[in-house]
C-alpha atoms as a PDB file:
ATOM      1  CA  MET A   1     -26.116 -23.000 -43.723  1.00  0.00           C
ATOM      2  CA  ALA A   2     -22.368 -22.616 -43.075  1.00  0.00           C
ATOM      3  CA  ILE A   3     -20.124 -19.911 -44.322  1.00  0.00           C
ATOM      4  CA  THR A   4     -16.508 -20.782 -44.889  1.00  0.00           C
ATOM      5  CA  MET A   5     -13.855 -18.124 -45.040  1.00  0.00           C
ATOM      6  CA  GLN A   6     -10.193 -18.587 -45.837  1.00  0.00           C
ATOM      7  CA  VAL A   7      -7.647 -15.906 -44.944  1.00  0.00           C
ATOM      8  CA  ILE A   8      -4.629 -16.315 -47.183  1.00  0.00           C
ATOM      9  CA  GLY A   9      -1.398 -15.713 -45.278  1.00  0.00           C
ATOM     10  CA  ALA A  10      -2.973 -15.966 -41.802  1.00  0.00           C
ATOM     11  CA  ASP A  11      -0.492 -18.661 -40.814  1.00  0.00           C
ATOM     12  CA  LYS A  12       2.398 -16.383 -41.795  1.00  0.00           C
ATOM     13  CA  VAL A  13       0.930 -13.500 -39.786  1.00  0.00           C
ATOM     14  CA  ALA A  14       0.477 -15.809 -36.794  1.00  0.00           C
ATOM     15  CA  ARG A  15       4.102 -16.995 -37.042  1.00  0.00           C
ATOM     16  CA  GLU A  16       5.389 -13.413 -37.263  1.00  0.00           C
ATOM     17  CA  PHE A  17       3.277 -12.419 -34.278  1.00  0.00           C
ATOM     18  CA  MET A  18       4.594 -15.329 -32.226  1.00  0.00           C
ATOM     19  CA  LYS A  19       8.175 -14.477 -33.229  1.00  0.00           C
ATOM     20  CA  SER A  20       7.609 -10.830 -32.328  1.00  0.00           C
ATOM     21  CA  GLU A  21       6.055 -11.826 -29.009  1.00  0.00           C
ATOM     22  CA  SER A  22       9.060 -14.041 -28.281  1.00  0.00           C
ATOM     23  CA  ASN A  23      11.450 -11.178 -29.054  1.00  0.00           C
ATOM     24  CA  VAL A  24       9.485  -8.824 -26.813  1.00  0.00           C
ATOM     25  CA  THR A  25       9.609 -11.328 -23.966  1.00  0.00           C
ATOM     26  CA  LYS A  26      13.347 -11.817 -24.460  1.00  0.00           C
ATOM     27  CA  ASP A  27      13.962  -8.060 -24.453  1.00  0.00           C
ATOM     28  CA  VAL A  28      11.779  -7.506 -21.390  1.00  0.00           C
ATOM     29  CA  LYS A  29      13.619 -10.241 -19.505  1.00  0.00           C
ATOM     30  CA  ALA A  30      16.988  -8.704 -20.368  1.00  0.00           C
ATOM     31  CA  LEU A  31      15.802  -5.239 -19.370  1.00  0.00           C
ATOM     32  CA  THR A  32      14.369  -6.530 -16.097  1.00  0.00           C
ATOM     33  CA  ARG A  33      17.587  -8.363 -15.192  1.00  0.00           C
ATOM     34  CA  LYS A  34      19.727  -5.318 -16.039  1.00  0.00           C
ATOM     35  CA  THR A  35      17.491  -2.958 -14.055  1.00  0.00           C
ATOM     36  CA  LEU A  36      17.464  -5.240 -11.008  1.00  0.00           C
ATOM     37  CA  ASP A  37      21.257  -5.421 -11.118  1.00  0.00           C
ATOM     38  CA  ASP A  38      21.472  -1.628 -11.422  1.00  0.00           C
ATOM     39  CA  ILE A  39      19.128  -1.148  -8.457  1.00  0.00           C
ATOM     40  CA  GLU A  40      21.191  -3.620  -6.422  1.00  0.00           C
ATOM     41  CA  ASP A  41      24.400  -1.760  -7.235  1.00  0.00           C
ATOM     42  CA  SER A  42      22.867   1.624  -6.379  1.00  0.00           C
ATOM     43  CA  ALA A  43      21.457   0.343  -3.083  1.00  0.00           C
ATOM     44  CA  LYS A  44      24.846  -1.104  -2.133  1.00  0.00           C
ATOM     45  CA  GLU A  45      26.506   2.231  -2.907  1.00  0.00           C
ATOM     46  CA  LYS A  46      23.986   4.157  -0.809  1.00  0.00           C
ATOM     47  CA  VAL A  47      23.625   1.817   2.190  1.00  0.00           C
ATOM     48  CA  PRO A  48      25.217   3.340   5.296  1.00  0.00           C
ATOM     49  CA  THR A  49      28.341   1.481   6.275  1.00  0.00           C
ATOM     50  CA  THR A  50      28.627  -0.077   9.663  1.00  0.00           C
ATOM     51  CA  GLY A  51      31.597  -1.790  11.188  1.00  0.00           C
ATOM     52  CA  THR A  52      31.100  -5.039   9.303  1.00  0.00           C
ATOM     53  CA  GLY A  53      29.420  -3.848   6.095  1.00  0.00           C
ATOM     54  CA  ALA A  54      27.089  -6.833   6.413  1.00  0.00           C
ATOM     55  CA  LEU A  55      23.956  -4.903   5.437  1.00  0.00           C
ATOM     56  CA  GLY A  56      25.453  -3.755   2.145  1.00  0.00           C
ATOM     57  CA  MET A  57      26.702  -7.244   1.359  1.00  0.00           C
ATOM     58  CA  SER A  58      23.245  -8.673   2.065  1.00  0.00           C
ATOM     59  CA  VAL A  59      21.516  -6.594  -0.640  1.00  0.00           C
ATOM     60  CA  GLU A  60      20.638  -8.955  -3.456  1.00  0.00           C
ATOM     61  CA  ALA A  61      18.653  -8.857  -6.704  1.00  0.00           C
ATOM     62  CA  LYS A  62      16.355 -11.830  -7.238  1.00  0.00           C
ATOM     63  CA  LEU A  63      14.725 -12.595 -10.573  1.00  0.00           C
ATOM     64  CA  GLU A  64      11.410 -14.469 -10.598  1.00  0.00           C
ATOM     65  CA  SER A  65      11.415 -17.834 -12.365  1.00  0.00           C
ATOM     66  CA  ASP A  66       9.654 -16.422 -15.446  1.00  0.00           C
ATOM     67  CA  GLY A  67      12.312 -13.712 -15.742  1.00  0.00           C
ATOM     68  CA  LEU A  68       9.709 -10.973 -16.116  1.00  0.00           C
ATOM     69  CA  ALA A  69       9.786  -9.643 -12.558  1.00  0.00           C
ATOM     70  CA  GLY A  70      12.018  -9.619  -9.533  1.00  0.00           C
ATOM     71  CA  SER A  71      13.005  -7.856  -6.356  1.00  0.00           C
ATOM     72  CA  VAL A  72      15.978  -6.320  -4.630  1.00  0.00           C
ATOM     73  CA  GLU A  73      16.141  -6.955  -0.914  1.00  0.00           C
ATOM     74  CA  ALA A  74      18.366  -7.351   2.078  1.00  0.00           C
ATOM     75  CA  THR A  75      18.656 -11.059   2.790  1.00  0.00           C
ATOM     76  CA  GLY A  76      19.439 -13.165   5.805  1.00  0.00           C
ATOM     77  CA  GLY A  77      19.567 -11.689   9.290  1.00  0.00           C
ATOM     78  CA  ASP A  78      20.007  -8.180   7.894  1.00  0.00           C
ATOM     79  CA  LYS A  79      16.525  -8.226   6.357  1.00  0.00           C
ATOM     80  CA  PHE A  80      14.946  -7.267   9.698  1.00  0.00           C
ATOM     81  CA  TYR A  81      17.585  -4.639  10.474  1.00  0.00           C
ATOM     82  CA  SER A  82      17.333  -3.055   7.011  1.00  0.00           C
ATOM     83  CA  VAL A  83      13.828  -1.762   7.742  1.00  0.00           C
ATOM     84  CA  PHE A  84      15.130   0.276  10.683  1.00  0.00           C
ATOM     85  CA  VAL A  85      17.910   1.753   8.562  1.00  0.00           C
ATOM     86  CA  GLU A  86      15.590   2.549   5.637  1.00  0.00           C
ATOM     87  CA  TYR A  87      12.778   4.135   7.672  1.00  0.00           C
ATOM     88  CA  GLY A  88      14.468   5.067  10.921  1.00  0.00           C
ATOM     89  CA  THR A  89      13.352   4.531  14.502  1.00  0.00           C
ATOM     90  CA  PHE A  90      12.311   6.845  17.287  1.00  0.00           C
ATOM     91  CA  LYS A  91      16.010   7.096  18.190  1.00  0.00           C
ATOM     92  CA  ASP A  92      17.739   6.990  14.816  1.00  0.00           C
ATOM     93  CA  ARG A  93      16.977   8.988  11.683  1.00  0.00           C
ATOM     94  CA  ALA A  94      16.058   7.242   8.447  1.00  0.00           C
ATOM     95  CA  GLN A  95      18.918   6.492   6.065  1.00  0.00           C
ATOM     96  CA  PRO A  96      17.071   5.343   2.962  1.00  0.00           C
ATOM     97  CA  PHE A  97      19.026   3.296   0.468  1.00  0.00           C
ATOM     98  CA  MET A  98      16.508   0.987  -1.208  1.00  0.00           C
ATOM     99  CA  ARG A  99      13.893   3.559  -2.230  1.00  0.00           C
ATOM    100  CA  PRO A 100      16.415   6.018  -3.700  1.00  0.00           C
ATOM    101  CA  ALA A 101      17.984   3.170  -5.680  1.00  0.00           C
ATOM    102  CA  PHE A 102      14.586   2.200  -7.081  1.00  0.00           C
ATOM    103  CA  ASP A 103      13.638   5.812  -7.819  1.00  0.00           C
ATOM    104  CA  LYS A 104      16.903   6.335  -9.693  1.00  0.00           C
ATOM    105  CA  HIS A 105      16.283   3.490 -12.148  1.00  0.00           C
ATOM    106  CA  GLU A 106      12.497   3.403 -12.488  1.00  0.00           C
ATOM    107  CA  PRO A 107      12.122   6.155 -15.141  1.00  0.00           C
ATOM    108  CA  ARG A 108      14.748   4.602 -17.425  1.00  0.00           C
ATOM    109  CA  TYR A 109      13.156   1.165 -17.013  1.00  0.00           C
ATOM    110  CA  LEU A 110       9.711   2.474 -17.928  1.00  0.00           C
ATOM    111  CA  ASN A 111      11.025   4.434 -20.927  1.00  0.00           C
ATOM    112  CA  ARG A 112      12.913   1.423 -22.251  1.00  0.00           C
ATOM    113  CA  MET A 113       9.886  -0.813 -21.696  1.00  0.00           C
ATOM    114  CA  VAL A 114       7.719   1.507 -23.786  1.00  0.00           C
ATOM    115  CA  LYS A 115      10.361   1.504 -26.536  1.00  0.00           C
ATOM    116  CA  ILE A 116      10.497  -2.292 -26.561  1.00  0.00           C
ATOM    117  CA  VAL A 117       6.751  -2.619 -26.890  1.00  0.00           C
ATOM    118  CA  ASN A 118       6.434   0.144 -29.487  1.00  0.00           C
ATOM    119  CA  ARG A 119       9.291  -1.269 -31.546  1.00  0.00           C
ATOM    120  CA  ARG A 120       7.699  -4.700 -31.748  1.00  0.00           C
ATOM    121  CA  PHE A 121       4.053  -3.843 -32.361  1.00  0.00           C
END
């Protein structure tokens, strides 16, 4: 014995959900890009300047291909050197620039993320 059930309007609900999900994804991607750019800018402002300024110029935000995640890092030859600046060595004190930049923008990112999700669902 089979029971058949028809939900009237289910296709409309499914379309609205998919549209809402698409809007959430779009908003999250925009927020992620903006936050990465803000972290990059803050890190560049805070990085200690040397004679060439190469370390500051090497700081770069990179967005993952799906647009939902990314990183901010020192690139090129300065990637290795940046660790010594950030954490210090036995001879030189730490001069953090990446962590403070992240810490500055993380709370706003999380608050906006919650608002995006709550607004859509």
